[in-house]
Amino acid sequence: MIHPYLTPLDLAAFIRDAGLAAELIPMTVDTPTVPAAAAALGVAAGQIIKSLLFEVQGAAWLVIASGDDLVDRRALAAHFGVGKKQIKLAEAATVLRVLGYPVGGVPPFGHISRVPVLLDRAVARWDVVYGGGGDDRTMLRLTPAELQAVTGATWIDLAADPALAPAAP
């Protein structure tokens, strides 16, 4: 059967083929939001990572942020040297087309298209983080170091006030 999008089974195959230590965790409740995922796992909201697709001057960028932080578009604009209005959160249909996973379960890797990744330094404060596992009933468990290694992400301060951001890993 052909699915219109990728599933946790596709992500599991990517993890296996890449030889990652990351693990998929099937959930008994829906976990499409940071608060829902944190409550279901019994962890802090900051340990949940959000994989958000942004469009910057027509180019797709995946931004992985700590669940307890809002992504400050001013920080992204400053990183790219553009105005804040040039930073747009991708629509759900674009996320599905570019990454292959539905919003609410987007993992940080294993997508149908390779896109550049920015990783919030706040994620590095945790030994273990949890992200989307391919749908809203599956979570992914991994370390920030493995996350950076597999995505090739560039670390960035996404906090509204850089003075509040943790030290660079």
C-alpha atoms as a PDB file:
ATOM      1  CA  MET A   1       0.000   0.000   0.000  1.00  0.00           C
ATOM      2  CA  ILE A   2       1.357   3.431  -0.902  1.00  0.00           C
ATOM      3  CA  HIS A   3       0.932   6.141   1.724  1.00  0.00           C
ATOM      4  CA  PRO A   4       0.511   9.776   0.699  1.00  0.00           C
ATOM      5  CA  TYR A   5       3.145  10.646   3.302  1.00  0.00           C
ATOM      6  CA  LEU A   6       5.858   9.059   5.418  1.00  0.00           C
ATOM      7  CA  THR A   7       5.057   7.200   8.642  1.00  0.00           C
ATOM      8  CA  PRO A   8       6.882   6.069  11.781  1.00  0.00           C
ATOM      9  CA  LEU A   9       7.793   2.882   9.880  1.00  0.00           C
ATOM     10  CA  ASP A  10       9.729   4.992   7.362  1.00  0.00           C
ATOM     11  CA  LEU A  11      11.472   6.814  10.221  1.00  0.00           C
ATOM     12  CA  ALA A  12      12.314   3.490  11.904  1.00  0.00           C
ATOM     13  CA  ALA A  13      13.913   2.308   8.651  1.00  0.00           C
ATOM     14  CA  PHE A  14      15.947   5.537   8.425  1.00  0.00           C
ATOM     15  CA  ILE A  15      17.144   5.132  12.041  1.00  0.00           C
ATOM     16  CA  ARG A  16      18.102   1.485  11.419  1.00  0.00           C
ATOM     17  CA  ASP A  17      19.847   2.185   8.099  1.00  0.00           C
ATOM     18  CA  ALA A  18      21.782   5.126   9.566  1.00  0.00           C
ATOM     19  CA  GLY A  19      22.863   3.058  12.590  1.00  0.00           C
ATOM     20  CA  LEU A  20      21.470   5.591  15.051  1.00  0.00           C
ATOM     21  CA  ALA A  21      20.920   4.991  18.756  1.00  0.00           C
ATOM     22  CA  ALA A  22      17.679   7.020  18.569  1.00  0.00           C
ATOM     23  CA  GLU A  23      14.516   5.155  19.568  1.00  0.00           C
ATOM     24  CA  LEU A  24      10.877   5.459  18.570  1.00  0.00           C
ATOM     25  CA  ILE A  25       8.371   5.401  21.422  1.00  0.00           C
ATOM     26  CA  PRO A  26       4.770   4.441  20.558  1.00  0.00           C
ATOM     27  CA  MET A  27       2.332   6.484  22.640  1.00  0.00           C
ATOM     28  CA  THR A  28      -1.138   5.537  23.872  1.00  0.00           C
ATOM     29  CA  VAL A  29      -2.357   9.135  23.557  1.00  0.00           C
ATOM     30  CA  ASP A  30      -2.040  11.776  20.858  1.00  0.00           C
ATOM     31  CA  THR A  31       1.044  13.990  21.277  1.00  0.00           C
ATOM     32  CA  PRO A  32       0.703  16.684  18.569  1.00  0.00           C
ATOM     33  CA  THR A  33       1.744  19.555  20.857  1.00  0.00           C
ATOM     34  CA  VAL A  34       4.631  20.201  23.231  1.00  0.00           C
ATOM     35  CA  PRO A  35       2.431  20.223  26.380  1.00  0.00           C
ATOM     36  CA  ALA A  36       0.690  16.984  25.335  1.00  0.00           C
ATOM     37  CA  ALA A  37       3.994  15.256  24.564  1.00  0.00           C
ATOM     38  CA  ALA A  38       5.672  16.450  27.779  1.00  0.00           C
ATOM     39  CA  ALA A  39       2.713  15.306  29.894  1.00  0.00           C
ATOM     40  CA  ALA A  40       2.541  11.902  28.184  1.00  0.00           C
ATOM     41  CA  LEU A  41       6.280  11.299  28.646  1.00  0.00           C
ATOM     42  CA  GLY A  42       6.516  12.830  32.133  1.00  0.00           C
ATOM     43  CA  VAL A  43       9.325  15.193  31.098  1.00  0.00           C
ATOM     44  CA  ALA A  44       9.875  18.946  31.038  1.00  0.00           C
ATOM     45  CA  ALA A  45       8.510  20.883  28.050  1.00  0.00           C
ATOM     46  CA  GLY A  46      12.078  21.955  27.259  1.00  0.00           C
ATOM     47  CA  GLN A  47      13.016  18.324  26.545  1.00  0.00           C
ATOM     48  CA  ILE A  48      10.490  18.207  23.711  1.00  0.00           C
ATOM     49  CA  ILE A  49      11.965  19.470  20.454  1.00  0.00           C
ATOM     50  CA  LYS A  50       9.909  21.125  17.762  1.00  0.00           C
ATOM     51  CA  SER A  51      10.845  20.572  14.109  1.00  0.00           C
ATOM     52  CA  LEU A  52       9.476  23.590  12.270  1.00  0.00           C
ATOM     53  CA  LEU A  53       9.795  24.331   8.575  1.00  0.00           C
ATOM     54  CA  PHE A  54      10.415  27.961   7.687  1.00  0.00           C
ATOM     55  CA  GLU A  55      10.641  29.624   4.302  1.00  0.00           C
ATOM     56  CA  VAL A  56      13.348  32.241   3.955  1.00  0.00           C
ATOM     57  CA  GLN A  57      13.335  34.093   0.659  1.00  0.00           C
ATOM     58  CA  GLY A  58      11.857  31.044  -1.068  1.00  0.00           C
ATOM     59  CA  ALA A  59      14.238  28.513   0.502  1.00  0.00           C
ATOM     60  CA  ALA A  60      13.130  25.877   3.028  1.00  0.00           C
ATOM     61  CA  TRP A  61      14.956  25.657   6.371  1.00  0.00           C
ATOM     62  CA  LEU A  62      14.205  23.248   9.188  1.00  0.00           C
ATOM     63  CA  VAL A  63      14.438  24.871  12.605  1.00  0.00           C
ATOM     64  CA  ILE A  64      14.693  22.564  15.616  1.00  0.00           C
ATOM     65  CA  ALA A  65      13.803  24.373  18.817  1.00  0.00           C
ATOM     66  CA  SER A  66      13.376  23.560  22.479  1.00  0.00           C
ATOM     67  CA  GLY A  67       9.719  23.017  23.331  1.00  0.00           C
ATOM     68  CA  ASP A  68       9.587  25.630  26.056  1.00  0.00           C
ATOM     69  CA  ASP A  69      10.815  28.433  23.770  1.00  0.00           C
ATOM     70  CA  LEU A  70       9.079  30.355  21.038  1.00  0.00           C
ATOM     71  CA  VAL A  71      11.114  30.648  17.854  1.00  0.00           C
ATOM     72  CA  ASP A  72      12.020  34.325  17.660  1.00  0.00           C
ATOM     73  CA  ARG A  73      11.701  35.347  14.034  1.00  0.00           C
ATOM     74  CA  ARG A  74      13.972  38.328  14.755  1.00  0.00           C
ATOM     75  CA  ALA A  75      16.775  35.910  15.650  1.00  0.00           C
ATOM     76  CA  LEU A  76      16.207  34.008  12.400  1.00  0.00           C
ATOM     77  CA  ALA A  77      16.042  37.252  10.417  1.00  0.00           C
ATOM     78  CA  ALA A  78      19.315  38.413  11.988  1.00  0.00           C
ATOM     79  CA  HIS A  79      20.938  35.050  11.176  1.00  0.00           C
ATOM     80  CA  PHE A  80      19.952  35.360   7.510  1.00  0.00           C
ATOM     81  CA  GLY A  81      20.481  39.123   7.269  1.00  0.00           C
ATOM     82  CA  VAL A  82      16.901  39.746   6.152  1.00  0.00           C
ATOM     83  CA  GLY A  83      13.857  41.524   7.546  1.00  0.00           C
ATOM     84  CA  LYS A  84      11.543  39.694   9.956  1.00  0.00           C
ATOM     85  CA  LYS A  85       8.806  39.658   7.298  1.00  0.00           C
ATOM     86  CA  GLN A  86      11.071  37.480   5.110  1.00  0.00           C
ATOM     87  CA  ILE A  87      10.801  34.649   7.674  1.00  0.00           C
ATOM     88  CA  LYS A  88       7.616  32.644   7.171  1.00  0.00           C
ATOM     89  CA  LEU A  89       6.422  29.510   8.919  1.00  0.00           C
ATOM     90  CA  ALA A  90       5.542  26.994   6.200  1.00  0.00           C
ATOM     91  CA  GLU A  91       1.938  25.942   5.777  1.00  0.00           C
ATOM     92  CA  ALA A  92       0.929  22.358   6.616  1.00  0.00           C
ATOM     93  CA  ALA A  93       0.655  21.385   2.932  1.00  0.00           C
ATOM     94  CA  THR A  94       4.190  22.688   2.299  1.00  0.00           C
ATOM     95  CA  VAL A  95       5.539  20.762   5.302  1.00  0.00           C
ATOM     96  CA  LEU A  96       3.974  17.560   3.961  1.00  0.00           C
ATOM     97  CA  ARG A  97       5.284  18.184   0.418  1.00  0.00           C
ATOM     98  CA  VAL A  98       8.835  19.138   1.453  1.00  0.00           C
ATOM     99  CA  LEU A  99       9.413  16.893   4.476  1.00  0.00           C
ATOM    100  CA  GLY A 100       6.923  14.089   3.852  1.00  0.00           C
ATOM    101  CA  TYR A 101       5.482  14.050   7.366  1.00  0.00           C
ATOM    102  CA  PRO A 102       2.275  15.666   8.658  1.00  0.00           C
ATOM    103  CA  VAL A 103       2.403  18.599  11.072  1.00  0.00           C
ATOM    104  CA  GLY A 104       2.134  17.297  14.640  1.00  0.00           C
ATOM    105  CA  GLY A 105       4.565  14.430  14.089  1.00  0.00           C
ATOM    106  CA  VAL A 106       7.433  15.878  12.045  1.00  0.00           C
ATOM    107  CA  PRO A 107      10.713  14.248  13.060  1.00  0.00           C
ATOM    108  CA  PRO A 108      13.999  16.173  12.944  1.00  0.00           C
ATOM    109  CA  PHE A 109      15.413  13.932  10.171  1.00  0.00           C
ATOM    110  CA  GLY A 110      14.493  11.186   7.709  1.00  0.00           C
ATOM    111  CA  HIS A 111      12.569  13.519   5.403  1.00  0.00           C
ATOM    112  CA  ILE A 112      11.843  13.026   1.694  1.00  0.00           C
ATOM    113  CA  SER A 113      13.883  16.158   0.868  1.00  0.00           C
ATOM    114  CA  ARG A 114      17.156  17.175   2.459  1.00  0.00           C
ATOM    115  CA  VAL A 115      16.862  20.710   3.814  1.00  0.00           C
ATOM    116  CA  PRO A 116      19.405  22.706   5.830  1.00  0.00           C
ATOM    117  CA  VAL A 117      18.865  22.637   9.586  1.00  0.00           C
ATOM    118  CA  LEU A 118      19.281  25.200  12.354  1.00  0.00           C
ATOM    119  CA  LEU A 119      19.370  23.824  15.918  1.00  0.00           C
ATOM    120  CA  ASP A 120      18.539  25.971  18.940  1.00  0.00           C
ATOM    121  CA  ARG A 121      21.381  25.965  21.491  1.00  0.00           C
ATOM    122  CA  ALA A 122      18.767  25.620  24.247  1.00  0.00           C
ATOM    123  CA  VAL A 123      18.345  21.981  23.169  1.00  0.00           C
ATOM    124  CA  ALA A 124      21.919  21.240  24.325  1.00  0.00           C
ATOM    125  CA  ARG A 125      21.010  21.763  28.001  1.00  0.00           C
ATOM    126  CA  TRP A 126      19.361  18.303  28.088  1.00  0.00           C
ATOM    127  CA  ASP A 127      20.996  14.869  28.077  1.00  0.00           C
ATOM    128  CA  VAL A 128      18.014  13.408  26.213  1.00  0.00           C
ATOM    129  CA  VAL A 129      15.362  15.082  24.056  1.00  0.00           C
ATOM    130  CA  TYR A 130      12.143  13.880  22.459  1.00  0.00           C
ATOM    131  CA  GLY A 131      10.791  14.888  19.068  1.00  0.00           C
ATOM    132  CA  GLY A 132       8.110  13.944  16.604  1.00  0.00           C
ATOM    133  CA  GLY A 133       8.261  10.310  15.605  1.00  0.00           C
ATOM    134  CA  GLY A 134       6.435  10.488  12.295  1.00  0.00           C
ATOM    135  CA  ASP A 135       2.870  10.931  13.498  1.00  0.00           C
ATOM    136  CA  ASP A 136       0.989  12.341  16.497  1.00  0.00           C
ATOM    137  CA  ARG A 137       1.138   9.017  18.393  1.00  0.00           C
ATOM    138  CA  THR A 138       4.862   8.310  18.151  1.00  0.00           C
ATOM    139  CA  MET A 139       7.780  10.097  19.794  1.00  0.00           C
ATOM    140  CA  LEU A 140      11.489   9.963  19.030  1.00  0.00           C
ATOM    141  CA  ARG A 141      14.082   9.747  21.836  1.00  0.00           C
ATOM    142  CA  LEU A 142      17.714  10.803  21.209  1.00  0.00           C
ATOM    143  CA  THR A 143      20.590  12.890  22.506  1.00  0.00           C
ATOM    144  CA  PRO A 144      21.284  16.438  21.309  1.00  0.00           C
ATOM    145  CA  ALA A 145      24.733  15.293  20.105  1.00  0.00           C
ATOM    146  CA  GLU A 146      23.220  12.584  17.899  1.00  0.00           C
ATOM    147  CA  LEU A 147      20.593  15.059  16.687  1.00  0.00           C
ATOM    148  CA  GLN A 148      23.281  17.505  15.563  1.00  0.00           C
ATOM    149  CA  ALA A 149      25.420  14.766  14.021  1.00  0.00           C
ATOM    150  CA  VAL A 150      22.638  13.214  11.925  1.00  0.00           C
ATOM    151  CA  THR A 151      21.162  16.528  10.749  1.00  0.00           C
ATOM    152  CA  GLY A 152      24.432  18.388  10.226  1.00  0.00           C
ATOM    153  CA  ALA A 153      22.656  21.297  11.902  1.00  0.00           C
ATOM    154  CA  THR A 154      24.155  24.670  12.610  1.00  0.00           C
ATOM    155  CA  TRP A 155      23.745  25.704  16.274  1.00  0.00           C
ATOM    156  CA  ILE A 156      21.954  29.046  16.700  1.00  0.00           C
ATOM    157  CA  ASP A 157      20.565  31.138  19.564  1.00  0.00           C
ATOM    158  CA  LEU A 158      16.816  31.316  19.048  1.00  0.00           C
ATOM    159  CA  ALA A 159      15.964  32.969  22.356  1.00  0.00           C
ATOM    160  CA  ALA A 160      14.395  36.402  22.106  1.00  0.00           C
ATOM    161  CA  ASP A 161      17.148  37.689  24.401  1.00  0.00           C
ATOM    162  CA  PRO A 162      20.563  36.126  23.590  1.00  0.00           C
ATOM    163  CA  ALA A 163      21.624  36.825  27.179  1.00  0.00           C
ATOM    164  CA  LEU A 164      19.106  34.164  28.254  1.00  0.00           C
ATOM    165  CA  ALA A 165      20.426  31.528  25.872  1.00  0.00           C
ATOM    166  CA  PRO A 166      22.743  28.831  27.253  1.00  0.00           C
ATOM    167  CA  ALA A 167      26.405  28.714  26.360  1.00  0.00           C
ATOM    168  CA  ALA A 168      27.305  27.220  22.992  1.00  0.00           C
ATOM    169  CA  PRO A 169      27.823  23.462  23.009  1.00  0.00           C
END
